[in-house]
Amino acid sequence: MGLGLAILAICFIVVIALCILLVVGIIYFEFSNSDIPPGVADPGKLRTIHCFYVGIAVVGRILQNLGLCSQLGFTRYIREKVMSKKLGDDPKLFIKNLQFDGIQVRVYQPKSPSAGGRKGIMFFHGGGWMFGSIDSYDGLCRYISKGTQSVVVSVGYRLSPEHRYPAAFDDCLNATIYFLKNAQEYGVDSSSVIISGDSAGGNLTAAVCQALVDQNDVPKPLAQVLIYPAVQAVDFHLPSYIQNRAVPILYRERAVFYMLHYVDGDLTMMEEVLDGDHVPVDLKMKYRKWLGAENIPEEFKARGYKPRVMASHSEDVYEAHKKAFEPHFSPLLAEDSVISQQPKTYILTCEFDVLRDDGILYKKRLEDHGIPVTWYHVKDGFHGILSFFDSGNLSFESGKLAVDNIVNYINGI
């Protein structure tokens, strides 16, 4: 009995020591790799959140190496457990899990009476096309539905790497077409449907709105709401990609990692893609008018940005990633004839986000074609800040203000 207790005590001490080493290692990684510039909202909270994400990834890798589970599966599971609150029934909403054309959706319908057809909001969640779910965005969708008295449809599209591009796009497009055709069944005016999403969901929103240009048998969307969207995979040396390359929670390399997974790219060529080796000379010249840093206001170049000439391309790298130039993957690259038919648009960007300039460039393209654009810039914001608009001690005031701004925009159109 004494020997058994001694062994148990030793094992306990070893486990505690390993946990301490893990925590110390995560903190060391955070302070060695992250660069949080002055002006970022609540940097202590941001570091805490990022340490949590890094910790999940590290533990997941350990468990994968031990053969217990995949790192991706573990990361998704833990993120879902933390990000998804069990909110249960809502006294102000009818909430139903349904399928639209075989695609999982969650529909939020206000219980209050309505004099006429309500607005409808399609919502595509973020998560780099690899993470996120209907559950993890449940709180945000409830808040928007109640704040706008609109019917919100949250789409559970297929994730990469199990399902590569264009699976997520196809799911979002098909679910949207279904809703546009059947909006009246949910008390929605079919001419008052708004397409929305954040991050990867913002990419899907822009792509779906462009695809609807050719859908002549369904009503056109009233507006699109793009929340720090990723809209191009051509130039990763834009000012925001350089200035915010190490700002949590989306590093520059991580953004490209997600894109390559989605488009079925070659991860061994990530450095070449980061350098721009995947872009042929003729395409560089074609896209310069839309992507050149001269299209970005000077105020966004003040924080240490230096122009850089993109490297000469490699045919092998281009062949492995040429899907990234399709407009359904990079909506910024759509032809003028498509851009000119986009609905009125709301774009939200964050100063300390690698995707900031994607939103600014898409804003300019739309405005150049006369599309009304409402722009909201979170001056102390980082990528993903809206996900923490209502997270208790880890909430960000700027995130709450941004969500309320979106609600006010929707109420005003």
Protein backbone atom coordinates (compact mmCIF):
# COMPACT_ATOMS: atom_id res chain seq x y z
CA MET A 1 0.00 0.00 0.00
CA GLY A 2 2.84 2.38 0.88
CA LEU A 3 4.61 1.71 -2.44
CA GLY A 4 1.39 2.21 -4.38
CA LEU A 5 0.75 5.55 -2.71
CA ALA A 6 4.31 6.61 -3.42
CA ILE A 7 3.98 5.77 -7.10
CA LEU A 8 0.65 7.60 -7.25
CA ALA A 9 2.19 10.64 -5.59
CA ILE A 10 5.10 10.61 -8.03
CA CYS A 11 2.73 10.38 -10.98
CA PHE A 12 0.69 13.26 -9.60
CA ILE A 13 3.82 15.39 -9.18
CA VAL A 14 4.93 14.56 -12.73
CA VAL A 15 1.53 15.55 -14.14
CA ILE A 16 1.57 18.83 -12.20
CA ALA A 17 5.13 19.54 -13.38
CA LEU A 18 4.17 18.85 -17.00
CA CYS A 19 1.15 21.16 -16.71
CA ILE A 20 3.35 23.91 -15.30
CA LEU A 21 5.86 23.43 -18.11
CA LEU A 22 3.02 23.56 -20.65
CA VAL A 23 1.64 26.80 -19.23
CA VAL A 24 5.10 28.37 -19.06
CA GLY A 25 5.81 27.25 -22.62
CA ILE A 26 2.54 28.73 -23.90
CA ILE A 27 3.20 32.06 -22.16
CA TYR A 28 6.75 32.11 -23.55
CA PHE A 29 5.42 31.40 -27.05
CA GLU A 30 2.86 34.18 -26.74
CA PHE A 31 5.32 36.85 -25.68
CA SER A 32 7.98 35.65 -28.15
CA ASN A 33 5.77 35.46 -31.22
CA SER A 34 2.88 37.89 -30.75
CA ASP A 35 3.30 41.59 -31.41
CA ILE A 36 0.49 43.66 -29.92
CA PRO A 37 0.97 47.30 -30.97
CA PRO A 38 -0.10 50.24 -28.80
CA GLY A 39 -3.77 51.02 -29.31
CA VAL A 40 -5.14 47.47 -29.36
CA ALA A 41 -8.22 47.04 -27.17
CA ASP A 42 -7.54 45.33 -23.82
CA PRO A 43 -4.22 43.67 -24.74
CA GLY A 44 -4.22 41.58 -21.55
CA LYS A 45 -7.53 39.98 -22.48
CA LEU A 46 -6.35 39.42 -26.04
CA ARG A 47 -3.20 37.65 -24.85
CA THR A 48 -5.26 35.48 -22.51
CA ILE A 49 -7.58 34.42 -25.32
CA HIS A 50 -4.69 33.72 -27.67
CA CYS A 51 -2.83 31.69 -25.03
CA PHE A 52 -5.97 29.59 -24.67
CA TYR A 53 -6.07 28.94 -28.43
CA VAL A 54 -2.36 28.11 -28.54
CA GLY A 55 -2.78 25.80 -25.55
CA ILE A 56 -5.57 23.90 -27.28
CA ALA A 57 -3.41 23.43 -30.37
CA VAL A 58 -0.42 22.22 -28.34
CA VAL A 59 -2.43 19.73 -26.29
CA GLY A 60 -4.14 18.56 -29.48
CA ARG A 61 -0.76 17.93 -31.11
CA ILE A 62 0.40 15.95 -28.07
CA LEU A 63 -2.75 13.82 -28.11
CA GLN A 64 -2.36 13.27 -31.85
CA ASN A 65 1.25 12.15 -31.41
CA LEU A 66 0.06 9.72 -28.73
CA GLY A 67 -2.48 8.33 -31.19
CA LEU A 68 -5.45 9.30 -29.02
CA CYS A 69 -7.21 11.71 -31.40
CA SER A 70 -6.54 14.17 -34.21
CA GLN A 71 -5.33 17.65 -33.38
CA LEU A 72 -8.05 19.16 -35.57
CA GLY A 73 -10.81 17.11 -33.94
CA PHE A 74 -9.61 17.97 -30.43
CA THR A 75 -9.29 21.67 -31.26
CA ARG A 76 -12.79 21.79 -32.73
CA TYR A 77 -14.24 19.95 -29.74
CA ILE A 78 -12.68 22.22 -27.13
CA ARG A 79 -13.45 25.40 -29.06
CA GLU A 80 -17.06 24.34 -29.39
CA LYS A 81 -17.33 23.58 -25.68
CA VAL A 82 -15.92 26.98 -24.76
CA MET A 83 -17.43 29.17 -27.49
CA SER A 84 -20.86 27.54 -27.47
CA LYS A 85 -23.06 28.53 -24.56
CA LYS A 86 -26.04 26.31 -23.74
CA LEU A 87 -28.56 29.12 -23.93
CA GLY A 88 -31.66 26.94 -24.23
CA ASP A 89 -35.04 28.37 -25.14
CA ASP A 90 -35.41 32.10 -25.63
CA PRO A 91 -38.55 33.90 -24.42
CA LYS A 92 -38.40 36.25 -27.42
CA LEU A 93 -37.48 33.82 -30.21
CA PHE A 94 -38.66 30.65 -31.90
CA ILE A 95 -35.46 28.67 -32.62
CA LYS A 96 -35.50 25.65 -34.91
CA ASN A 97 -32.80 23.39 -36.37
CA LEU A 98 -33.80 22.62 -39.95
CA GLN A 99 -32.38 21.65 -43.32
CA PHE A 100 -32.49 23.85 -46.40
CA ASP A 101 -31.89 21.73 -49.48
CA GLY A 102 -30.04 19.19 -47.33
CA ILE A 103 -27.91 21.83 -45.56
CA GLN A 104 -28.04 22.23 -41.78
CA VAL A 105 -29.42 25.60 -40.67
CA ARG A 106 -30.75 27.18 -37.50
CA VAL A 107 -33.66 29.59 -37.89
CA TYR A 108 -34.32 32.37 -35.37
CA GLN A 109 -37.81 33.90 -35.59
CA PRO A 110 -39.00 36.73 -33.30
CA LYS A 111 -42.15 35.84 -31.34
CA SER A 112 -43.47 39.39 -31.38
CA PRO A 113 -46.21 40.11 -33.96
CA SER A 114 -45.26 41.81 -37.21
CA ALA A 115 -47.49 44.03 -39.35
CA GLY A 116 -45.90 42.80 -42.57
CA GLY A 117 -43.07 40.66 -43.87
CA ARG A 118 -39.92 40.86 -41.76
CA LYS A 119 -36.35 41.25 -42.94
CA GLY A 120 -34.44 38.01 -43.35
CA ILE A 121 -30.73 37.63 -42.58
CA MET A 122 -28.58 34.80 -43.88
CA PHE A 123 -25.54 34.40 -41.63
CA PHE A 124 -22.33 32.53 -42.53
CA HIS A 125 -20.00 32.00 -39.57
CA GLY A 126 -16.25 32.56 -39.52
CA GLY A 127 -13.46 30.22 -38.49
CA GLY A 128 -11.10 30.03 -41.46
CA TRP A 129 -13.43 27.56 -43.25
CA MET A 130 -12.05 25.00 -40.72
CA PHE A 131 -13.68 25.97 -37.43
CA GLY A 132 -16.85 27.59 -36.16
CA SER A 133 -20.40 26.29 -36.21
CA ILE A 134 -24.05 27.16 -35.75
CA ASP A 135 -23.61 26.54 -32.02
CA SER A 136 -20.56 28.76 -31.56
CA TYR A 137 -22.38 31.70 -33.19
CA ASP A 138 -25.70 31.05 -31.48
CA GLY A 139 -25.41 33.99 -29.07
CA LEU A 140 -24.55 36.46 -31.83
CA CYS A 141 -27.40 35.29 -34.06
CA ARG A 142 -29.91 35.55 -31.19
CA TYR A 143 -28.72 39.07 -30.43
CA ILE A 144 -29.03 40.19 -34.06
CA SER A 145 -32.44 38.59 -34.49
CA LYS A 146 -33.83 40.28 -31.38
CA GLY A 147 -32.12 43.59 -32.08
CA THR A 148 -33.45 43.82 -35.64
CA GLN A 149 -36.71 41.86 -35.22
CA SER A 150 -35.55 39.87 -38.24
CA VAL A 151 -35.55 36.19 -39.09
CA VAL A 152 -31.94 34.99 -38.97
CA VAL A 153 -30.81 31.84 -40.76
CA SER A 154 -27.42 30.55 -39.55
CA VAL A 155 -25.86 28.11 -42.02
CA GLY A 156 -23.85 25.07 -40.94
CA TYR A 157 -21.78 24.70 -44.08
CA ARG A 158 -19.24 21.92 -44.60
CA LEU A 159 -15.73 22.58 -43.26
CA SER A 160 -12.26 22.00 -44.67
CA PRO A 161 -10.03 20.08 -44.90
CA GLU A 162 -12.62 17.30 -45.07
CA HIS A 163 -14.56 19.33 -47.63
CA ARG A 164 -12.49 21.59 -49.86
CA TYR A 165 -13.47 24.58 -51.94
CA PRO A 166 -16.11 25.07 -53.28
CA ALA A 167 -18.05 22.94 -50.75
CA ALA A 168 -18.61 25.76 -48.22
CA PHE A 169 -19.52 28.18 -51.00
CA ASP A 170 -21.94 25.71 -52.57
CA ASP A 171 -23.67 25.08 -49.23
CA CYS A 172 -24.07 28.78 -48.50
CA LEU A 173 -25.31 29.55 -52.02
CA ASN A 174 -27.81 26.68 -52.08
CA ALA A 175 -29.15 27.50 -48.61
CA THR A 176 -29.55 31.14 -49.62
CA ILE A 177 -31.39 30.28 -52.84
CA TYR A 178 -33.70 27.99 -50.88
CA PHE A 179 -34.48 30.74 -48.38
CA LEU A 180 -35.04 33.37 -51.07
CA LYS A 181 -37.53 31.06 -52.77
CA ASN A 182 -39.32 30.16 -49.54
CA ALA A 183 -38.94 33.32 -47.46
CA GLN A 184 -42.67 33.88 -47.07
CA GLU A 185 -43.01 30.57 -45.19
CA TYR A 186 -40.91 32.16 -42.43
CA GLY A 187 -42.74 35.47 -42.41
CA VAL A 188 -40.04 37.21 -44.44
CA ASP A 189 -40.41 39.65 -47.30
CA SER A 190 -38.34 37.98 -50.04
CA SER A 191 -37.16 41.39 -51.28
CA SER A 192 -35.72 42.20 -47.83
CA VAL A 193 -33.13 39.45 -47.37
CA ILE A 194 -29.65 40.44 -46.20
CA ILE A 195 -26.59 38.22 -46.69
CA SER A 196 -23.98 38.44 -43.92
CA GLY A 197 -20.94 36.79 -42.38
CA ASP A 198 -17.65 37.35 -40.60
CA SER A 199 -14.10 36.50 -41.70
CA ALA A 200 -14.38 33.32 -43.82
CA GLY A 201 -18.12 33.90 -43.62
CA GLY A 202 -17.53 37.38 -45.05
CA ASN A 203 -15.71 35.75 -47.95
CA LEU A 204 -18.67 33.42 -48.48
CA THR A 205 -21.09 36.35 -48.25
CA ALA A 206 -19.33 38.29 -51.01
CA ALA A 207 -19.05 35.17 -53.18
CA VAL A 208 -22.73 34.26 -52.75
CA CYS A 209 -23.90 37.81 -53.56
CA GLN A 210 -21.82 37.71 -56.73
CA ALA A 211 -23.19 34.30 -57.71
CA LEU A 212 -26.77 35.55 -57.25
CA VAL A 213 -26.22 37.98 -60.13
CA ASP A 214 -26.79 35.06 -62.52
CA GLN A 215 -29.78 33.65 -60.60
CA ASN A 216 -32.70 35.16 -62.46
CA ASP A 217 -35.37 33.01 -60.78
CA VAL A 218 -34.86 34.32 -57.22
CA PRO A 219 -35.21 37.78 -55.64
CA LYS A 220 -32.02 39.81 -55.31
CA PRO A 221 -30.65 40.43 -51.80
CA LEU A 222 -31.43 43.76 -50.17
CA ALA A 223 -27.88 44.18 -48.83
CA GLN A 224 -24.72 42.38 -47.81
CA VAL A 225 -22.91 42.74 -44.48
CA LEU A 226 -19.20 41.90 -44.64
CA ILE A 227 -17.46 41.63 -41.27
CA TYR A 228 -13.64 41.70 -41.63
CA PRO A 229 -13.92 39.63 -44.82
CA ALA A 230 -11.14 37.77 -46.66
CA VAL A 231 -11.68 38.65 -50.31
CA GLN A 232 -8.39 37.92 -52.05
CA ALA A 233 -5.53 35.40 -52.06
CA VAL A 234 -3.14 37.28 -54.32
CA ASP A 235 -1.14 39.80 -52.31
CA PHE A 236 -0.06 39.05 -48.75
CA HIS A 237 2.22 42.09 -48.61
CA LEU A 238 -0.53 44.68 -48.33
CA PRO A 239 0.07 47.13 -45.47
CA SER A 240 -2.26 45.35 -43.06
CA TYR A 241 -0.63 41.97 -43.71
CA ILE A 242 2.77 43.41 -42.84
CA GLN A 243 1.75 45.70 -39.98
CA ASN A 244 -0.43 43.09 -38.25
CA ARG A 245 1.46 39.95 -39.22
CA ALA A 246 1.92 38.87 -35.57
CA VAL A 247 -1.20 40.36 -33.97
CA PRO A 248 -3.47 37.73 -32.37
CA ILE A 249 -5.72 36.06 -33.01
CA LEU A 250 -4.92 35.80 -36.72
CA TYR A 251 -1.26 35.79 -37.71
CA ARG A 252 -0.38 36.43 -41.35
CA GLU A 253 0.90 32.87 -41.82
CA ARG A 254 -2.21 31.45 -40.18
CA ALA A 255 -4.47 33.32 -42.56
CA VAL A 256 -2.65 31.78 -45.54
CA PHE A 257 -2.70 28.37 -43.82
CA TYR A 258 -6.51 28.50 -43.66
CA MET A 259 -6.77 29.65 -47.27
CA LEU A 260 -4.52 26.86 -48.54
CA HIS A 261 -6.50 24.24 -46.63
CA TYR A 262 -9.76 25.53 -48.10
CA VAL A 263 -8.54 25.77 -51.69
CA ASP A 264 -6.72 22.40 -51.47
CA GLY A 265 -3.35 24.09 -51.89
CA ASP A 266 0.09 22.71 -51.13
CA LEU A 267 1.09 23.57 -47.56
CA THR A 268 4.72 22.84 -48.37
CA MET A 269 4.59 25.88 -50.67
CA MET A 270 3.28 28.29 -48.04
CA GLU A 271 6.41 30.46 -48.08
CA GLU A 272 6.22 30.74 -51.86
CA VAL A 273 2.57 31.76 -51.67
CA LEU A 274 3.36 34.32 -48.96
CA ASP A 275 6.02 35.76 -51.29
CA GLY A 276 3.59 35.90 -54.22
CA ASP A 277 5.27 33.21 -56.31
CA HIS A 278 1.84 31.80 -57.19
CA VAL A 279 0.84 34.88 -59.23
CA PRO A 280 1.86 34.95 -62.93
CA VAL A 281 3.11 38.25 -64.33
CA ASP A 282 0.05 38.80 -66.52
CA LEU A 283 -2.27 38.35 -63.53
CA LYS A 284 -0.13 40.68 -61.40
CA MET A 285 -0.62 43.36 -64.03
CA LYS A 286 -4.35 42.66 -64.33
CA TYR A 287 -5.01 42.75 -60.59
CA ARG A 288 -2.77 45.72 -59.80
CA LYS A 289 -5.57 48.18 -60.55
CA TRP A 290 -7.62 46.56 -57.78
CA LEU A 291 -4.90 45.36 -55.41
CA GLY A 292 -2.16 47.96 -55.61
CA ALA A 293 -1.29 49.63 -52.30
CA GLU A 294 -2.02 52.96 -53.99
CA ASN A 295 -5.69 52.06 -53.57
CA ILE A 296 -5.29 52.15 -49.79
CA PRO A 297 -5.52 55.53 -48.01
CA GLU A 298 -2.19 56.87 -46.76
CA GLU A 299 -3.37 56.89 -43.14
CA PHE A 300 -3.26 53.09 -43.15
CA LYS A 301 0.37 52.97 -44.30
CA ALA A 302 1.81 55.07 -41.47
CA ARG A 303 2.59 52.16 -39.15
CA GLY A 304 5.89 50.97 -40.59
CA TYR A 305 4.76 49.92 -44.06
CA LYS A 306 7.32 49.75 -46.88
CA PRO A 307 6.25 48.95 -50.46
CA ARG A 308 7.57 45.69 -51.87
CA VAL A 309 7.73 44.35 -55.40
CA MET A 310 6.15 40.91 -55.61
CA ALA A 311 8.53 38.10 -56.52
CA SER A 312 8.64 36.50 -59.96
CA HIS A 313 6.22 33.61 -60.21
CA SER A 314 6.77 29.85 -60.27
CA GLU A 315 4.64 27.83 -62.67
CA ASP A 316 4.52 24.88 -60.27
CA VAL A 317 3.28 27.08 -57.43
CA TYR A 318 0.70 28.68 -59.72
CA GLU A 319 -0.63 25.32 -60.93
CA ALA A 320 -1.02 24.10 -57.35
CA HIS A 321 -3.02 27.18 -56.33
CA LYS A 322 -4.75 28.53 -59.43
CA LYS A 323 -8.20 27.93 -57.91
CA ALA A 324 -7.39 30.81 -55.57
CA PHE A 325 -7.93 33.22 -58.48
CA GLU A 326 -11.52 32.14 -59.06
CA PRO A 327 -13.93 34.90 -57.97
CA HIS A 328 -15.90 32.46 -55.83
CA PHE A 329 -12.71 32.10 -53.76
CA SER A 330 -11.33 35.63 -54.21
CA PRO A 331 -14.39 37.88 -54.69
CA LEU A 332 -12.22 40.99 -55.12
CA LEU A 333 -11.14 39.56 -58.50
CA ALA A 334 -14.64 39.43 -60.00
CA GLU A 335 -15.22 41.20 -63.30
CA ASP A 336 -16.64 44.73 -63.37
CA SER A 337 -19.92 43.44 -64.82
CA VAL A 338 -20.49 41.45 -61.60
CA ILE A 339 -19.21 44.06 -59.15
CA SER A 340 -21.52 46.68 -60.66
CA GLN A 341 -24.58 44.54 -59.79
CA GLN A 342 -23.83 44.05 -56.10
CA PRO A 343 -26.36 45.15 -53.48
CA LYS A 344 -25.82 47.97 -51.03
CA THR A 345 -23.06 46.95 -48.66
CA TYR A 346 -21.91 47.29 -45.08
CA ILE A 347 -18.21 46.58 -44.44
CA LEU A 348 -16.60 46.33 -41.01
CA THR A 349 -12.82 46.41 -40.67
CA CYS A 350 -10.44 46.39 -37.70
CA GLU A 351 -7.24 48.41 -37.53
CA PHE A 352 -5.11 45.60 -36.09
CA ASP A 353 -6.28 42.84 -38.44
CA VAL A 354 -4.33 41.32 -41.33
CA LEU A 355 -7.59 41.35 -43.34
CA ARG A 356 -8.16 45.09 -42.83
CA ASP A 357 -6.99 46.03 -46.32
CA ASP A 358 -9.08 43.29 -47.97
CA GLY A 359 -12.15 45.11 -46.69
CA ILE A 360 -10.81 48.54 -47.69
CA LEU A 361 -9.97 47.38 -51.22
CA TYR A 362 -13.38 45.72 -51.68
CA LYS A 363 -15.03 48.91 -50.44
CA LYS A 364 -13.20 50.89 -53.13
CA ARG A 365 -14.13 48.45 -55.89
CA LEU A 366 -17.79 48.66 -54.97
CA GLU A 367 -17.77 52.45 -54.65
CA ASP A 368 -15.99 52.82 -58.00
CA HIS A 369 -19.06 51.16 -59.53
CA GLY A 370 -21.55 53.31 -57.66
CA ILE A 371 -22.54 50.74 -55.03
CA PRO A 372 -23.55 52.44 -51.75
CA VAL A 373 -21.15 51.32 -49.01
CA THR A 374 -21.43 51.95 -45.28
CA TRP A 375 -18.03 51.48 -43.64
CA TYR A 376 -17.42 50.96 -39.93
CA HIS A 377 -13.78 50.86 -38.82
CA VAL A 378 -12.93 49.58 -35.33
CA LYS A 379 -9.86 51.67 -34.51
CA ASP A 380 -8.74 49.48 -31.60
CA GLY A 381 -10.09 46.23 -33.01
CA PHE A 382 -8.38 42.94 -33.87
CA HIS A 383 -9.55 40.04 -36.00
CA GLY A 384 -12.44 38.18 -34.39
CA ILE A 385 -13.35 40.86 -31.86
CA LEU A 386 -17.10 40.49 -32.53
CA SER A 387 -16.95 36.93 -31.22
CA PHE A 388 -16.21 38.40 -27.79
CA PHE A 389 -18.99 40.97 -27.65
CA ASP A 390 -20.68 39.09 -24.81
CA SER A 391 -18.08 36.85 -23.17
CA GLY A 392 -18.22 37.88 -19.54
CA ASN A 393 -14.83 38.92 -18.21
CA LEU A 394 -13.33 38.42 -21.67
CA SER A 395 -15.77 40.77 -23.40
CA PHE A 396 -14.55 43.74 -25.45
CA GLU A 397 -16.51 46.98 -25.45
CA SER A 398 -15.44 47.67 -29.04
CA GLY A 399 -16.90 44.34 -30.10
CA LYS A 400 -20.24 45.16 -28.48
CA LEU A 401 -20.29 48.61 -30.13
CA ALA A 402 -19.54 47.00 -33.49
CA VAL A 403 -22.38 44.48 -33.15
CA ASP A 404 -24.76 47.28 -32.20
CA ASN A 405 -23.60 49.26 -35.22
CA ILE A 406 -24.48 46.34 -37.47
CA VAL A 407 -27.89 46.06 -35.81
CA ASN A 408 -28.50 49.78 -36.36
CA TYR A 409 -27.47 49.48 -40.02
CA ILE A 410 -29.90 46.61 -40.61
CA ASN A 411 -32.69 48.52 -38.86
CA GLY A 412 -32.04 51.53 -41.06
CA ILE A 413 -32.32 49.87 -44.47
